[in-house]
Amino acid sequence: MDSTAQQDYLTTTPAWPSPAPRESCVEPPVDTLALSERLAELQQRSRKELRRLFHELPVPSLDEIEGEYRAVLLDQGHWFANLLTRAFVNRGGYWIGKAFQPASETGGYGYNIFRTRRGVRRAFRMHTYLTATNAKPKEQFTIEYGETNTGTVGTIHDEVRRVTPGLYLGLGSVHLLGGRIFRRPRKVLFALAGPVADFRQEASEQDVFDADEVFPPLV
């Protein structure tokens, strides 16, 4: 592993000023079995079908997504793309979730969750936004990593759409290997289901390991 890749792999992100903690309003999905069935349906769809579905779905509000969510990678279109994507996403541990904390109607923050040999790891912090741009006049729910991460992770840009309350389809964009080999960003499809647990404020300030924790399943 070269020095650039090593720095990218081991990068830790500084904390940023966060709003005062507020009372959690996280409630688990009412019908987790139905949600699991819908998630299984997404896992059976092709990349082309998922891309088409994504652009048909509504944009959620920031307040709608709060707490820790189960995360699942979906079809990336080709066996090699699936392999490459999983190798990148799971390099900090096996990726199992994302967590969200709204701070206002237009901004929030969060982190990612991994299962490792040492236990459950919460790391790779992020900011969330509900914004419109000249290119996309309609408001978009976006997740940005550039303010809190360096290297390849810092290039990640995600957008999230609602499939049904409690189930969301994500479309990520990342410059693999810093764009040194693939000039165009790779599009990554994933799903989020939950919430399954409350947001952990300490994980928004530093990496957190829980050696004995078992991350809760959706059902």
C-alpha atoms as a PDB file:
ATOM      1  CA  MET A   1       0.000   0.000   0.000  1.00  0.00           C
ATOM      2  CA  ASP A   2       1.538   3.345  -1.016  1.00  0.00           C
ATOM      3  CA  SER A   3       1.701   6.321   1.353  1.00  0.00           C
ATOM      4  CA  THR A   4      -1.258   8.079  -0.264  1.00  0.00           C
ATOM      5  CA  ALA A   5      -3.461   5.019  -0.029  1.00  0.00           C
ATOM      6  CA  GLN A   6      -2.320   4.400   3.544  1.00  0.00           C
ATOM      7  CA  GLN A   7      -3.174   7.949   4.541  1.00  0.00           C
ATOM      8  CA  ASP A   8      -6.543   7.565   2.834  1.00  0.00           C
ATOM      9  CA  TYR A   9      -7.201   4.288   4.631  1.00  0.00           C
ATOM     10  CA  LEU A  10      -6.187   5.456   8.081  1.00  0.00           C
ATOM     11  CA  THR A  11      -7.563   8.976   7.924  1.00  0.00           C
ATOM     12  CA  THR A  12      -9.346  10.166  11.025  1.00  0.00           C
ATOM     13  CA  THR A  13     -11.636  13.134  10.914  1.00  0.00           C
ATOM     14  CA  PRO A  14     -11.760  16.014  13.374  1.00  0.00           C
ATOM     15  CA  ALA A  15     -14.903  16.889  15.227  1.00  0.00           C
ATOM     16  CA  TRP A  16     -16.904  19.903  14.131  1.00  0.00           C
ATOM     17  CA  PRO A  17     -19.055  22.196  16.270  1.00  0.00           C
ATOM     18  CA  SER A  18     -22.354  20.420  16.736  1.00  0.00           C
ATOM     19  CA  PRO A  19     -25.670  21.811  17.957  1.00  0.00           C
ATOM     20  CA  ALA A  20     -26.820  21.241  21.498  1.00  0.00           C
ATOM     21  CA  PRO A  21     -28.168  17.699  21.988  1.00  0.00           C
ATOM     22  CA  ARG A  22     -31.907  17.483  21.612  1.00  0.00           C
ATOM     23  CA  GLU A  23     -34.346  14.875  22.826  1.00  0.00           C
ATOM     24  CA  SER A  24     -34.376  11.940  20.448  1.00  0.00           C
ATOM     25  CA  CYS A  25     -37.584  11.334  18.535  1.00  0.00           C
ATOM     26  CA  VAL A  26     -36.395   8.074  16.997  1.00  0.00           C
ATOM     27  CA  GLU A  27     -39.127   5.482  16.710  1.00  0.00           C
ATOM     28  CA  PRO A  28     -38.595   2.046  15.157  1.00  0.00           C
ATOM     29  CA  PRO A  29     -40.620   1.177  12.037  1.00  0.00           C
ATOM     30  CA  VAL A  30     -44.143   0.017  12.826  1.00  0.00           C
ATOM     31  CA  ASP A  31     -44.024  -2.973  10.475  1.00  0.00           C
ATOM     32  CA  THR A  32     -40.447  -4.201  10.282  1.00  0.00           C
ATOM     33  CA  LEU A  33     -41.445  -7.389   8.470  1.00  0.00           C
ATOM     34  CA  ALA A  34     -43.036  -5.441   5.611  1.00  0.00           C
ATOM     35  CA  LEU A  35     -39.983  -3.179   5.518  1.00  0.00           C
ATOM     36  CA  SER A  36     -37.687  -6.201   5.284  1.00  0.00           C
ATOM     37  CA  GLU A  37     -39.736  -7.558   2.397  1.00  0.00           C
ATOM     38  CA  ARG A  38     -39.484  -4.237   0.543  1.00  0.00           C
ATOM     39  CA  LEU A  39     -35.743  -4.198   1.162  1.00  0.00           C
ATOM     40  CA  ALA A  40     -35.459  -7.735  -0.222  1.00  0.00           C
ATOM     41  CA  GLU A  41     -37.283  -6.543  -3.349  1.00  0.00           C
ATOM     42  CA  LEU A  42     -34.709  -3.794  -3.852  1.00  0.00           C
ATOM     43  CA  GLN A  43     -31.924  -6.347  -3.475  1.00  0.00           C
ATOM     44  CA  GLN A  44     -33.402  -8.342  -6.358  1.00  0.00           C
ATOM     45  CA  ARG A  45     -33.520  -5.385  -8.749  1.00  0.00           C
ATOM     46  CA  SER A  46     -30.881  -4.683 -11.367  1.00  0.00           C
ATOM     47  CA  ARG A  47     -28.723  -1.572 -11.333  1.00  0.00           C
ATOM     48  CA  LYS A  48     -30.636  -0.200 -14.313  1.00  0.00           C
ATOM     49  CA  GLU A  49     -33.973  -0.711 -12.563  1.00  0.00           C
ATOM     50  CA  LEU A  50     -32.670   0.872  -9.366  1.00  0.00           C
ATOM     51  CA  ARG A  51     -31.331   3.930 -11.202  1.00  0.00           C
ATOM     52  CA  ARG A  52     -34.693   4.393 -12.900  1.00  0.00           C
ATOM     53  CA  LEU A  53     -36.554   3.960  -9.610  1.00  0.00           C
ATOM     54  CA  PHE A  54     -34.292   6.433  -7.821  1.00  0.00           C
ATOM     55  CA  HIS A  55     -35.219   9.271 -10.163  1.00  0.00           C
ATOM     56  CA  GLU A  56     -38.926   8.521  -9.678  1.00  0.00           C
ATOM     57  CA  LEU A  57     -38.861   8.634  -5.874  1.00  0.00           C
ATOM     58  CA  PRO A  58     -39.580  11.666  -3.653  1.00  0.00           C
ATOM     59  CA  VAL A  59     -36.925  13.482  -1.626  1.00  0.00           C
ATOM     60  CA  PRO A  60     -37.303  13.045   2.158  1.00  0.00           C
ATOM     61  CA  SER A  61     -36.994  15.858   4.689  1.00  0.00           C
ATOM     62  CA  LEU A  62     -33.998  15.946   7.025  1.00  0.00           C
ATOM     63  CA  ASP A  63     -36.193  15.450  10.104  1.00  0.00           C
ATOM     64  CA  GLU A  64     -37.602  12.291   8.582  1.00  0.00           C
ATOM     65  CA  ILE A  65     -34.311  10.388   8.843  1.00  0.00           C
ATOM     66  CA  GLU A  66     -32.919  10.317  12.383  1.00  0.00           C
ATOM     67  CA  GLY A  67     -31.034   7.663  14.308  1.00  0.00           C
ATOM     68  CA  GLU A  68     -29.048   4.640  13.163  1.00  0.00           C
ATOM     69  CA  TYR A  69     -30.123   2.820  10.007  1.00  0.00           C
ATOM     70  CA  ARG A  70     -29.201  -0.556   8.573  1.00  0.00           C
ATOM     71  CA  ALA A  71     -27.269  -0.149   5.303  1.00  0.00           C
ATOM     72  CA  VAL A  72     -27.112  -2.587   2.388  1.00  0.00           C
ATOM     73  CA  LEU A  73     -25.180  -2.364  -0.877  1.00  0.00           C
ATOM     74  CA  LEU A  74     -27.333  -3.112  -3.925  1.00  0.00           C
ATOM     75  CA  ASP A  75     -26.524  -4.321  -7.436  1.00  0.00           C
ATOM     76  CA  GLN A  76     -23.713  -2.318  -9.038  1.00  0.00           C
ATOM     77  CA  GLY A  77     -24.318  -3.715 -12.536  1.00  0.00           C
ATOM     78  CA  HIS A  78     -21.459  -6.180 -12.994  1.00  0.00           C
ATOM     79  CA  TRP A  79     -19.652  -8.771 -10.892  1.00  0.00           C
ATOM     80  CA  PHE A  80     -16.399  -6.813 -11.023  1.00  0.00           C
ATOM     81  CA  ALA A  81     -18.176  -3.573 -10.094  1.00  0.00           C
ATOM     82  CA  ASN A  82     -19.818  -5.381  -7.174  1.00  0.00           C
ATOM     83  CA  LEU A  83     -16.433  -6.720  -6.070  1.00  0.00           C
ATOM     84  CA  LEU A  84     -14.657  -3.370  -6.410  1.00  0.00           C
ATOM     85  CA  THR A  85     -17.418  -1.463  -4.622  1.00  0.00           C
ATOM     86  CA  ARG A  86     -17.540  -3.893  -1.714  1.00  0.00           C
ATOM     87  CA  ALA A  87     -13.762  -3.836  -1.393  1.00  0.00           C
ATOM     88  CA  PHE A  88     -13.822  -0.039  -1.121  1.00  0.00           C
ATOM     89  CA  VAL A  89     -16.872   0.326   1.129  1.00  0.00           C
ATOM     90  CA  ASN A  90     -15.885  -2.493   3.497  1.00  0.00           C
ATOM     91  CA  ARG A  91     -12.241  -1.576   3.938  1.00  0.00           C
ATOM     92  CA  GLY A  92     -12.868   0.015   7.360  1.00  0.00           C
ATOM     93  CA  GLY A  93     -14.850  -3.058   8.400  1.00  0.00           C
ATOM     94  CA  TYR A  94     -18.038  -4.590   7.023  1.00  0.00           C
ATOM     95  CA  TRP A  95     -20.358  -1.637   6.365  1.00  0.00           C
ATOM     96  CA  ILE A  96     -23.663  -2.153   8.190  1.00  0.00           C
ATOM     97  CA  GLY A  97     -25.171   1.267   8.768  1.00  0.00           C
ATOM     98  CA  LYS A  98     -25.415   5.041   8.618  1.00  0.00           C
ATOM     99  CA  ALA A  99     -26.591   7.379  11.358  1.00  0.00           C
ATOM    100  CA  PHE A 100     -28.296  10.738  11.038  1.00  0.00           C
ATOM    101  CA  GLN A 101     -28.897  13.692  13.346  1.00  0.00           C
ATOM    102  CA  PRO A 102     -30.859  16.646  11.920  1.00  0.00           C
ATOM    103  CA  ALA A 103     -29.628  20.012  13.198  1.00  0.00           C
ATOM    104  CA  SER A 104     -32.054  22.252  11.286  1.00  0.00           C
ATOM    105  CA  GLU A 105     -34.482  22.050   8.384  1.00  0.00           C
ATOM    106  CA  THR A 106     -31.591  22.269   5.929  1.00  0.00           C
ATOM    107  CA  GLY A 107     -28.582  20.689   7.647  1.00  0.00           C
ATOM    108  CA  GLY A 108     -27.427  17.877   9.894  1.00  0.00           C
ATOM    109  CA  TYR A 109     -24.606  15.442  10.508  1.00  0.00           C
ATOM    110  CA  GLY A 110     -23.891  11.771  11.051  1.00  0.00           C
ATOM    111  CA  TYR A 111     -21.477   8.863  10.752  1.00  0.00           C
ATOM    112  CA  ASN A 112     -21.092   5.373   9.309  1.00  0.00           C
ATOM    113  CA  ILE A 113     -21.193   2.051  11.142  1.00  0.00           C
ATOM    114  CA  PHE A 114     -18.979  -0.994  10.516  1.00  0.00           C
ATOM    115  CA  ARG A 115     -18.701  -4.495  11.932  1.00  0.00           C
ATOM    116  CA  THR A 116     -15.059  -5.383  12.593  1.00  0.00           C
ATOM    117  CA  ARG A 117     -13.139  -8.142  14.346  1.00  0.00           C
ATOM    118  CA  ARG A 118     -12.802  -5.803  17.312  1.00  0.00           C
ATOM    119  CA  GLY A 119     -16.495  -5.019  17.481  1.00  0.00           C
ATOM    120  CA  VAL A 120     -18.762  -2.311  16.088  1.00  0.00           C
ATOM    121  CA  ARG A 121     -16.978   0.763  14.765  1.00  0.00           C
ATOM    122  CA  ARG A 122     -18.579   4.172  14.194  1.00  0.00           C
ATOM    123  CA  ALA A 123     -16.473   6.379  11.938  1.00  0.00           C
ATOM    124  CA  PHE A 124     -16.246   8.390   8.693  1.00  0.00           C
ATOM    125  CA  ARG A 125     -18.338  11.341   9.792  1.00  0.00           C
ATOM    126  CA  MET A 126     -20.479  13.264   7.347  1.00  0.00           C
ATOM    127  CA  HIS A 127     -22.744  16.288   6.888  1.00  0.00           C
ATOM    128  CA  THR A 128     -26.271  16.177   5.504  1.00  0.00           C
ATOM    129  CA  TYR A 129     -27.993  18.938   3.560  1.00  0.00           C
ATOM    130  CA  LEU A 130     -31.340  19.703   1.989  1.00  0.00           C
ATOM    131  CA  THR A 131     -30.382  22.088  -0.788  1.00  0.00           C
ATOM    132  CA  ALA A 132     -31.075  23.074  -4.380  1.00  0.00           C
ATOM    133  CA  THR A 133     -28.473  24.013  -6.997  1.00  0.00           C
ATOM    134  CA  ASN A 134     -28.530  25.563 -10.452  1.00  0.00           C
ATOM    135  CA  ALA A 135     -28.011  22.089 -11.901  1.00  0.00           C
ATOM    136  CA  LYS A 136     -30.777  20.643  -9.711  1.00  0.00           C
ATOM    137  CA  PRO A 137     -33.331  23.365  -8.866  1.00  0.00           C
ATOM    138  CA  LYS A 138     -35.385  20.889  -6.834  1.00  0.00           C
ATOM    139  CA  GLU A 139     -34.189  20.347  -3.258  1.00  0.00           C
ATOM    140  CA  GLN A 140     -32.037  17.246  -2.782  1.00  0.00           C
ATOM    141  CA  PHE A 141     -31.170  15.279   0.364  1.00  0.00           C
ATOM    142  CA  THR A 142     -27.382  15.058   0.099  1.00  0.00           C
ATOM    143  CA  ILE A 143     -24.611  13.556   2.222  1.00  0.00           C
ATOM    144  CA  GLU A 144     -21.154  15.133   1.982  1.00  0.00           C
ATOM    145  CA  TYR A 145     -17.842  13.825   3.333  1.00  0.00           C
ATOM    146  CA  GLY A 146     -15.365  16.421   2.087  1.00  0.00           C
ATOM    147  CA  GLU A 147     -15.539  18.664   5.161  1.00  0.00           C
ATOM    148  CA  THR A 148     -14.570  15.885   7.557  1.00  0.00           C
ATOM    149  CA  ASN A 149     -12.527  13.375   5.529  1.00  0.00           C
ATOM    150  CA  THR A 150      -9.546  13.341   3.179  1.00  0.00           C
ATOM    151  CA  GLY A 151      -8.508  11.101   0.298  1.00  0.00           C
ATOM    152  CA  THR A 152     -11.057   9.006  -1.547  1.00  0.00           C
ATOM    153  CA  VAL A 153     -13.577   9.171   1.304  1.00  0.00           C
ATOM    154  CA  GLY A 154     -13.573  12.954   1.044  1.00  0.00           C
ATOM    155  CA  THR A 155     -14.812  12.730  -2.564  1.00  0.00           C
ATOM    156  CA  ILE A 156     -18.008  10.875  -1.642  1.00  0.00           C
ATOM    157  CA  HIS A 157     -21.317  12.579  -2.423  1.00  0.00           C
ATOM    158  CA  ASP A 158     -24.588  10.736  -1.728  1.00  0.00           C
ATOM    159  CA  GLU A 159     -28.200  11.520  -2.544  1.00  0.00           C
ATOM    160  CA  VAL A 160     -31.127   9.843  -0.789  1.00  0.00           C
ATOM    161  CA  ARG A 161     -34.733   9.228  -1.871  1.00  0.00           C
ATOM    162  CA  ARG A 162     -37.690   7.698  -0.015  1.00  0.00           C
ATOM    163  CA  VAL A 163     -39.031   4.308  -1.114  1.00  0.00           C
ATOM    164  CA  THR A 164     -41.455   4.166   1.797  1.00  0.00           C
ATOM    165  CA  PRO A 165     -41.243   5.588   5.340  1.00  0.00           C
ATOM    166  CA  GLY A 166     -38.339   3.771   6.957  1.00  0.00           C
ATOM    167  CA  LEU A 167     -36.782   2.597   3.679  1.00  0.00           C
ATOM    168  CA  TYR A 168     -34.556   4.793   1.514  1.00  0.00           C
ATOM    169  CA  LEU A 169     -32.632   4.366  -1.719  1.00  0.00           C
ATOM    170  CA  GLY A 170     -29.233   6.010  -1.955  1.00  0.00           C
ATOM    171  CA  LEU A 171     -27.125   6.908  -4.970  1.00  0.00           C
ATOM    172  CA  GLY A 172     -23.523   7.628  -4.100  1.00  0.00           C
ATOM    173  CA  SER A 173     -20.746   9.145  -6.182  1.00  0.00           C
ATOM    174  CA  VAL A 174     -17.071   8.501  -5.408  1.00  0.00           C
ATOM    175  CA  HIS A 175     -13.763   9.039  -7.200  1.00  0.00           C
ATOM    176  CA  LEU A 176     -12.136   5.655  -6.603  1.00  0.00           C
ATOM    177  CA  LEU A 177      -8.381   5.869  -5.988  1.00  0.00           C
ATOM    178  CA  GLY A 178      -8.654   9.645  -6.014  1.00  0.00           C
ATOM    179  CA  GLY A 179      -9.519   9.665  -9.713  1.00  0.00           C
ATOM    180  CA  ARG A 180      -6.051   8.419 -10.635  1.00  0.00           C
ATOM    181  CA  ILE A 181      -7.401   5.413 -12.563  1.00  0.00           C
ATOM    182  CA  PHE A 182     -11.113   6.099 -13.035  1.00  0.00           C
ATOM    183  CA  ARG A 183     -11.616   9.702 -14.115  1.00  0.00           C
ATOM    184  CA  ARG A 184     -15.372   9.603 -13.803  1.00  0.00           C
ATOM    185  CA  PRO A 185     -16.890   9.109 -10.352  1.00  0.00           C
ATOM    186  CA  ARG A 186     -18.305   5.667  -9.693  1.00  0.00           C
ATOM    187  CA  LYS A 187     -22.025   5.582  -8.906  1.00  0.00           C
ATOM    188  CA  VAL A 188     -22.883   3.335  -5.958  1.00  0.00           C
ATOM    189  CA  LEU A 189     -26.411   2.168  -5.119  1.00  0.00           C
ATOM    190  CA  PHE A 190     -27.370   1.360  -1.537  1.00  0.00           C
ATOM    191  CA  ALA A 191     -30.413   1.093   0.721  1.00  0.00           C
ATOM    192  CA  LEU A 192     -31.078   2.327   4.255  1.00  0.00           C
ATOM    193  CA  ALA A 193     -33.713   0.774   6.537  1.00  0.00           C
ATOM    194  CA  GLY A 194     -34.756   1.716  10.059  1.00  0.00           C
ATOM    195  CA  PRO A 195     -34.155   3.351  12.381  1.00  0.00           C
ATOM    196  CA  VAL A 196     -32.867   0.469  14.481  1.00  0.00           C
ATOM    197  CA  ALA A 197     -31.141   2.489  17.239  1.00  0.00           C
ATOM    198  CA  ASP A 198     -30.671   5.997  18.607  1.00  0.00           C
ATOM    199  CA  PHE A 199     -28.008   8.366  17.309  1.00  0.00           C
ATOM    200  CA  ARG A 200     -24.741   8.241  19.276  1.00  0.00           C
ATOM    201  CA  GLN A 201     -23.599  11.826  19.812  1.00  0.00           C
ATOM    202  CA  GLU A 202     -20.083  10.801  20.855  1.00  0.00           C
ATOM    203  CA  ALA A 203     -19.596   9.106  17.476  1.00  0.00           C
ATOM    204  CA  SER A 204     -20.137  12.454  15.759  1.00  0.00           C
ATOM    205  CA  GLU A 205     -17.036  13.751  17.552  1.00  0.00           C
ATOM    206  CA  GLN A 206     -14.591  10.836  17.333  1.00  0.00           C
ATOM    207  CA  ASP A 207     -14.325   7.232  16.179  1.00  0.00           C
ATOM    208  CA  VAL A 208     -16.073   4.886  18.610  1.00  0.00           C
ATOM    209  CA  PHE A 209     -15.461   1.148  19.098  1.00  0.00           C
ATOM    210  CA  ASP A 210     -17.809  -1.112  21.053  1.00  0.00           C
ATOM    211  CA  ALA A 211     -16.162  -4.498  21.489  1.00  0.00           C
ATOM    212  CA  ASP A 212     -19.193  -6.347  22.853  1.00  0.00           C
ATOM    213  CA  GLU A 213     -21.957  -4.659  20.865  1.00  0.00           C
ATOM    214  CA  VAL A 214     -24.227  -6.505  18.469  1.00  0.00           C
ATOM    215  CA  PHE A 215     -25.732  -4.008  16.037  1.00  0.00           C
ATOM    216  CA  PRO A 216     -29.512  -4.538  16.031  1.00  0.00           C
ATOM    217  CA  PRO A 217     -31.093  -6.189  12.990  1.00  0.00           C
ATOM    218  CA  LEU A 218     -34.046  -4.685  11.179  1.00  0.00           C
ATOM    219  CA  VAL A 219     -36.326  -7.489  12.434  1.00  0.00           C
END
